[in-house]
Amino acid sequence: MAKDESSDQSALVGKKVAYWVVSQHGTKYMYRVETLPLVGYLKTGTQRQLGTIMARILLIDDDEQILNVVTSLLEREHHEISTAVDGKQGIKLIENQNFDLIITDVIMPEMDGIEVLMYLLNQTNRPKVIAMSGGSASLDQTIYWNICKILRADKVLQKPLDFETLTSAVREVLEIRVAD
């Protein structure tokens, strides 16, 4: 019996729960997020020890609240996060740093996520990309999704974000295994 209890407790080691309230376009969303311990391995061949940086991620979004919440969530998963408020700022960071993953909003002022994807098409050692969009009143969201897929986005997600879906997508795209 004691053996079963300790194995149950060890399964919970490293698991964290957090809550966020995000206001987006006048609607408030409450998110409950559970993070799990990760195995420090990226399929790209980069070995990283548990508790150190898993992946270097660039997050591009014009909504500061989303930048803050997603950054906090992904840092809990041991990722190093850089942020940009639009595609123009994001491309400047891409030109000066190496990233394992770029997560970009599709619809932004100045330079949007579609332009970021077009820029990345010509890059050698292109990082993985997750595009995310809440859609537009003037254009059907499936059109954005199809454009993102044509421009080689590895994954496309719908906003408002379900953070379990986001962390699962990050793990899937980077091919990170969750510890048993």
C-alpha atoms as a PDB file:
ATOM      1  CA  MET A   1       0.000   0.000   0.000  1.00  0.00           C
ATOM      2  CA  ALA A   2       2.785   2.451   0.899  1.00  0.00           C
ATOM      3  CA  LYS A   3       4.493   1.658  -2.389  1.00  0.00           C
ATOM      4  CA  ASP A   4       1.358   2.652  -4.332  1.00  0.00           C
ATOM      5  CA  GLU A   5       1.029   5.921  -2.406  1.00  0.00           C
ATOM      6  CA  SER A   6       4.646   6.926  -3.088  1.00  0.00           C
ATOM      7  CA  SER A   7       4.292   6.127  -6.789  1.00  0.00           C
ATOM      8  CA  ASP A   8       1.170   8.314  -6.881  1.00  0.00           C
ATOM      9  CA  GLN A   9       3.081  11.127  -5.193  1.00  0.00           C
ATOM     10  CA  SER A  10       6.044  10.799  -7.567  1.00  0.00           C
ATOM     11  CA  ALA A  11       3.650  11.139 -10.499  1.00  0.00           C
ATOM     12  CA  LEU A  12       2.731  14.579  -9.163  1.00  0.00           C
ATOM     13  CA  VAL A  13       6.295  15.847  -8.708  1.00  0.00           C
ATOM     14  CA  GLY A  14       6.872  18.825 -10.949  1.00  0.00           C
ATOM     15  CA  LYS A  15       3.203  19.246 -11.850  1.00  0.00           C
ATOM     16  CA  LYS A  16       2.046  22.850 -11.479  1.00  0.00           C
ATOM     17  CA  VAL A  17      -1.390  24.412 -11.734  1.00  0.00           C
ATOM     18  CA  ALA A  18      -1.938  28.066 -12.621  1.00  0.00           C
ATOM     19  CA  TYR A  19      -4.977  30.232 -13.351  1.00  0.00           C
ATOM     20  CA  TRP A  20      -5.171  33.246 -15.650  1.00  0.00           C
ATOM     21  CA  VAL A  21      -7.948  35.634 -16.514  1.00  0.00           C
ATOM     22  CA  VAL A  22      -7.563  37.199 -19.946  1.00  0.00           C
ATOM     23  CA  SER A  23      -9.790  39.895 -21.365  1.00  0.00           C
ATOM     24  CA  GLN A  24      -9.960  39.803 -25.157  1.00  0.00           C
ATOM     25  CA  HIS A  25     -12.297  41.971 -27.217  1.00  0.00           C
ATOM     26  CA  GLY A  26     -14.543  42.644 -24.209  1.00  0.00           C
ATOM     27  CA  THR A  27     -14.879  38.993 -23.157  1.00  0.00           C
ATOM     28  CA  LYS A  28     -13.108  37.554 -20.117  1.00  0.00           C
ATOM     29  CA  TYR A  29     -11.666  34.040 -20.290  1.00  0.00           C
ATOM     30  CA  MET A  30     -10.394  32.066 -17.304  1.00  0.00           C
ATOM     31  CA  TYR A  31      -7.770  29.438 -18.012  1.00  0.00           C
ATOM     32  CA  ARG A  32      -6.663  26.622 -15.721  1.00  0.00           C
ATOM     33  CA  VAL A  33      -3.308  25.288 -16.801  1.00  0.00           C
ATOM     34  CA  GLU A  34      -1.505  22.169 -15.616  1.00  0.00           C
ATOM     35  CA  THR A  35       2.109  21.771 -16.630  1.00  0.00           C
ATOM     36  CA  LEU A  36       3.891  18.444 -16.571  1.00  0.00           C
ATOM     37  CA  PRO A  37       7.567  17.597 -16.163  1.00  0.00           C
ATOM     38  CA  LEU A  38       9.303  17.180 -19.513  1.00  0.00           C
ATOM     39  CA  VAL A  39      12.041  14.932 -20.770  1.00  0.00           C
ATOM     40  CA  GLY A  40      14.915  17.173 -21.876  1.00  0.00           C
ATOM     41  CA  TYR A  41      15.063  16.064 -25.471  1.00  0.00           C
ATOM     42  CA  LEU A  42      14.359  17.765 -28.766  1.00  0.00           C
ATOM     43  CA  LYS A  43      14.316  15.574 -31.861  1.00  0.00           C
ATOM     44  CA  THR A  44      16.592  18.065 -33.629  1.00  0.00           C
ATOM     45  CA  GLY A  45      19.431  16.349 -31.780  1.00  0.00           C
ATOM     46  CA  THR A  46      19.824  19.007 -29.116  1.00  0.00           C
ATOM     47  CA  GLN A  47      20.127  17.344 -25.722  1.00  0.00           C
ATOM     48  CA  ARG A  48      19.105  19.554 -22.812  1.00  0.00           C
ATOM     49  CA  GLN A  49      18.891  18.500 -19.198  1.00  0.00           C
ATOM     50  CA  LEU A  50      15.605  18.650 -17.320  1.00  0.00           C
ATOM     51  CA  GLY A  51      15.268  22.017 -15.597  1.00  0.00           C
ATOM     52  CA  THR A  52      17.263  23.838 -18.266  1.00  0.00           C
ATOM     53  CA  ILE A  53      15.947  25.539 -21.366  1.00  0.00           C
ATOM     54  CA  MET A  54      13.960  23.157 -23.538  1.00  0.00           C
ATOM     55  CA  ALA A  55      13.501  25.371 -26.610  1.00  0.00           C
ATOM     56  CA  ARG A  56      14.065  28.939 -27.703  1.00  0.00           C
ATOM     57  CA  ILE A  57      10.704  30.320 -28.796  1.00  0.00           C
ATOM     58  CA  LEU A  58       9.778  33.616 -30.443  1.00  0.00           C
ATOM     59  CA  LEU A  59       6.204  34.698 -29.678  1.00  0.00           C
ATOM     60  CA  ILE A  60       4.761  37.354 -32.028  1.00  0.00           C
ATOM     61  CA  ASP A  61       1.399  38.923 -31.126  1.00  0.00           C
ATOM     62  CA  ASP A  62       0.020  42.462 -31.025  1.00  0.00           C
ATOM     63  CA  ASP A  63      -1.998  41.726 -27.854  1.00  0.00           C
ATOM     64  CA  GLU A  64       0.218  42.431 -24.832  1.00  0.00           C
ATOM     65  CA  GLN A  65      -1.996  40.358 -22.511  1.00  0.00           C
ATOM     66  CA  ILE A  66      -1.605  37.295 -24.713  1.00  0.00           C
ATOM     67  CA  LEU A  67       2.166  37.876 -24.891  1.00  0.00           C
ATOM     68  CA  ASN A  68       2.372  37.989 -21.087  1.00  0.00           C
ATOM     69  CA  VAL A  69       0.137  34.985 -20.390  1.00  0.00           C
ATOM     70  CA  VAL A  70       1.610  32.717 -23.078  1.00  0.00           C
ATOM     71  CA  THR A  71       5.155  33.736 -22.089  1.00  0.00           C
ATOM     72  CA  SER A  72       4.443  32.823 -18.462  1.00  0.00           C
ATOM     73  CA  LEU A  73       2.898  29.505 -19.486  1.00  0.00           C
ATOM     74  CA  LEU A  74       5.756  28.491 -21.781  1.00  0.00           C
ATOM     75  CA  GLU A  75       8.422  29.567 -19.280  1.00  0.00           C
ATOM     76  CA  ARG A  76       6.815  27.140 -16.790  1.00  0.00           C
ATOM     77  CA  GLU A  77       7.495  24.465 -19.432  1.00  0.00           C
ATOM     78  CA  HIS A  78      11.205  25.500 -19.301  1.00  0.00           C
ATOM     79  CA  HIS A  79      11.262  27.337 -22.637  1.00  0.00           C
ATOM     80  CA  GLU A  80      13.170  30.565 -23.240  1.00  0.00           C
ATOM     81  CA  ILE A  81      10.760  33.119 -24.690  1.00  0.00           C
ATOM     82  CA  SER A  82      11.431  36.244 -26.745  1.00  0.00           C
ATOM     83  CA  THR A  83       8.494  38.450 -27.754  1.00  0.00           C
ATOM     84  CA  ALA A  84       7.602  40.855 -30.547  1.00  0.00           C
ATOM     85  CA  VAL A  85       4.490  42.996 -30.969  1.00  0.00           C
ATOM     86  CA  ASP A  86       4.307  42.622 -34.751  1.00  0.00           C
ATOM     87  CA  GLY A  87       5.914  40.810 -37.661  1.00  0.00           C
ATOM     88  CA  LYS A  88       8.383  43.618 -38.382  1.00  0.00           C
ATOM     89  CA  GLN A  89       9.830  43.421 -34.862  1.00  0.00           C
ATOM     90  CA  GLY A  90       9.716  39.620 -35.028  1.00  0.00           C
ATOM     91  CA  ILE A  91      11.758  39.481 -38.241  1.00  0.00           C
ATOM     92  CA  LYS A  92      14.415  41.731 -36.678  1.00  0.00           C
ATOM     93  CA  LEU A  93      14.729  39.202 -33.833  1.00  0.00           C
ATOM     94  CA  ILE A  94      14.823  36.282 -36.290  1.00  0.00           C
ATOM     95  CA  GLU A  95      17.678  37.956 -38.178  1.00  0.00           C
ATOM     96  CA  ASN A  96      19.762  38.263 -34.984  1.00  0.00           C
ATOM     97  CA  GLN A  97      18.895  35.106 -33.014  1.00  0.00           C
ATOM     98  CA  ASN A  98      18.255  31.414 -33.545  1.00  0.00           C
ATOM     99  CA  PHE A  99      14.887  30.036 -32.516  1.00  0.00           C
ATOM    100  CA  ASP A 100      13.603  26.464 -32.340  1.00  0.00           C
ATOM    101  CA  LEU A 101      10.008  27.638 -32.742  1.00  0.00           C
ATOM    102  CA  ILE A 102       8.105  30.746 -33.772  1.00  0.00           C
ATOM    103  CA  ILE A 103       4.522  31.211 -32.588  1.00  0.00           C
ATOM    104  CA  THR A 104       2.867  34.031 -34.507  1.00  0.00           C
ATOM    105  CA  ASP A 105      -0.516  35.664 -34.585  1.00  0.00           C
ATOM    106  CA  VAL A 106      -1.812  35.912 -38.137  1.00  0.00           C
ATOM    107  CA  ILE A 107      -3.632  39.259 -38.023  1.00  0.00           C
ATOM    108  CA  MET A 108      -1.493  42.141 -36.725  1.00  0.00           C
ATOM    109  CA  PRO A 109      -0.823  45.766 -37.658  1.00  0.00           C
ATOM    110  CA  GLU A 110       2.461  46.873 -39.258  1.00  0.00           C
ATOM    111  CA  MET A 111       3.402  43.398 -40.549  1.00  0.00           C
ATOM    112  CA  ASP A 112       1.209  40.341 -40.079  1.00  0.00           C
ATOM    113  CA  GLY A 113       1.883  36.661 -39.544  1.00  0.00           C
ATOM    114  CA  ILE A 114       1.389  35.850 -43.239  1.00  0.00           C
ATOM    115  CA  GLU A 115       4.322  38.154 -44.061  1.00  0.00           C
ATOM    116  CA  VAL A 116       6.415  36.472 -41.360  1.00  0.00           C
ATOM    117  CA  LEU A 117       5.656  33.073 -42.920  1.00  0.00           C
ATOM    118  CA  MET A 118       6.596  34.401 -46.379  1.00  0.00           C
ATOM    119  CA  TYR A 119       9.885  35.716 -44.980  1.00  0.00           C
ATOM    120  CA  LEU A 120      10.641  32.336 -43.382  1.00  0.00           C
ATOM    121  CA  LEU A 121      10.137  30.464 -46.674  1.00  0.00           C
ATOM    122  CA  ASN A 122      13.528  31.738 -47.863  1.00  0.00           C
ATOM    123  CA  GLN A 123      15.422  30.980 -44.666  1.00  0.00           C
ATOM    124  CA  THR A 124      17.941  28.188 -44.289  1.00  0.00           C
ATOM    125  CA  ASN A 125      17.592  26.343 -40.969  1.00  0.00           C
ATOM    126  CA  ARG A 126      14.000  27.521 -40.807  1.00  0.00           C
ATOM    127  CA  PRO A 127      12.506  27.106 -37.310  1.00  0.00           C
ATOM    128  CA  LYS A 128       9.214  25.325 -36.736  1.00  0.00           C
ATOM    129  CA  VAL A 129       6.166  27.629 -36.843  1.00  0.00           C
ATOM    130  CA  ILE A 130       2.796  27.670 -35.115  1.00  0.00           C
ATOM    131  CA  ALA A 131       0.356  30.245 -36.516  1.00  0.00           C
ATOM    132  CA  MET A 132      -2.643  31.347 -34.455  1.00  0.00           C
ATOM    133  CA  SER A 133      -5.631  33.477 -35.375  1.00  0.00           C
ATOM    134  CA  GLY A 134      -8.930  34.639 -33.999  1.00  0.00           C
ATOM    135  CA  GLY A 135     -10.089  35.397 -37.521  1.00  0.00           C
ATOM    136  CA  SER A 136     -11.336  38.594 -39.053  1.00  0.00           C
ATOM    137  CA  ALA A 137     -14.768  40.085 -39.630  1.00  0.00           C
ATOM    138  CA  SER A 138     -13.897  40.619 -43.297  1.00  0.00           C
ATOM    139  CA  LEU A 139     -12.441  37.182 -44.140  1.00  0.00           C
ATOM    140  CA  ASP A 140     -13.330  33.603 -43.291  1.00  0.00           C
ATOM    141  CA  GLN A 141     -10.853  32.058 -40.827  1.00  0.00           C
ATOM    142  CA  THR A 142     -10.424  28.927 -42.942  1.00  0.00           C
ATOM    143  CA  ILE A 143      -8.885  31.101 -45.656  1.00  0.00           C
ATOM    144  CA  TYR A 144      -6.211  32.264 -43.179  1.00  0.00           C
ATOM    145  CA  TRP A 145      -5.601  28.662 -42.076  1.00  0.00           C
ATOM    146  CA  ASN A 146      -5.171  27.485 -45.655  1.00  0.00           C
ATOM    147  CA  ILE A 147      -2.766  30.319 -46.449  1.00  0.00           C
ATOM    148  CA  CYS A 148      -0.721  29.475 -43.340  1.00  0.00           C
ATOM    149  CA  LYS A 149      -0.526  25.815 -44.351  1.00  0.00           C
ATOM    150  CA  ILE A 150       0.520  26.730 -47.904  1.00  0.00           C
ATOM    151  CA  LEU A 151       3.266  28.917 -46.393  1.00  0.00           C
ATOM    152  CA  ARG A 152       4.476  25.888 -44.383  1.00  0.00           C
ATOM    153  CA  ALA A 153       3.172  26.646 -40.881  1.00  0.00           C
ATOM    154  CA  ASP A 154       3.674  23.418 -38.943  1.00  0.00           C
ATOM    155  CA  LYS A 155       0.481  23.921 -36.946  1.00  0.00           C
ATOM    156  CA  VAL A 156      -2.420  26.410 -36.999  1.00  0.00           C
ATOM    157  CA  LEU A 157      -4.407  27.164 -33.821  1.00  0.00           C
ATOM    158  CA  GLN A 158      -7.594  29.118 -33.209  1.00  0.00           C
ATOM    159  CA  LYS A 159      -7.768  31.992 -30.708  1.00  0.00           C
ATOM    160  CA  PRO A 160      -8.855  32.439 -27.985  1.00  0.00           C
ATOM    161  CA  LEU A 161      -6.233  29.925 -26.966  1.00  0.00           C
ATOM    162  CA  ASP A 162      -6.872  26.749 -25.095  1.00  0.00           C
ATOM    163  CA  PHE A 163      -3.562  26.501 -23.252  1.00  0.00           C
ATOM    164  CA  GLU A 164      -3.585  22.717 -23.080  1.00  0.00           C
ATOM    165  CA  THR A 165      -3.906  22.733 -26.868  1.00  0.00           C
ATOM    166  CA  LEU A 166      -1.067  25.273 -27.126  1.00  0.00           C
ATOM    167  CA  THR A 167       1.343  23.323 -24.914  1.00  0.00           C
ATOM    168  CA  SER A 168       0.426  20.087 -26.708  1.00  0.00           C
ATOM    169  CA  ALA A 169       1.040  21.787 -30.063  1.00  0.00           C
ATOM    170  CA  VAL A 170       4.429  23.088 -28.895  1.00  0.00           C
ATOM    171  CA  ARG A 171       5.422  19.615 -27.695  1.00  0.00           C
ATOM    172  CA  GLU A 172       4.179  18.023 -30.925  1.00  0.00           C
ATOM    173  CA  VAL A 173       5.900  20.487 -33.258  1.00  0.00           C
ATOM    174  CA  LEU A 174       9.190  20.327 -31.316  1.00  0.00           C
ATOM    175  CA  GLU A 175       8.761  16.586 -30.763  1.00  0.00           C
ATOM    176  CA  ILE A 176       9.224  16.880 -26.994  1.00  0.00           C
ATOM    177  CA  ARG A 177       8.217  13.858 -24.952  1.00  0.00           C
ATOM    178  CA  VAL A 178       6.376  14.215 -21.647  1.00  0.00           C
ATOM    179  CA  ALA A 179       7.906  12.284 -18.734  1.00  0.00           C
ATOM    180  CA  ASP A 180       5.866   9.270 -17.664  1.00  0.00           C
END
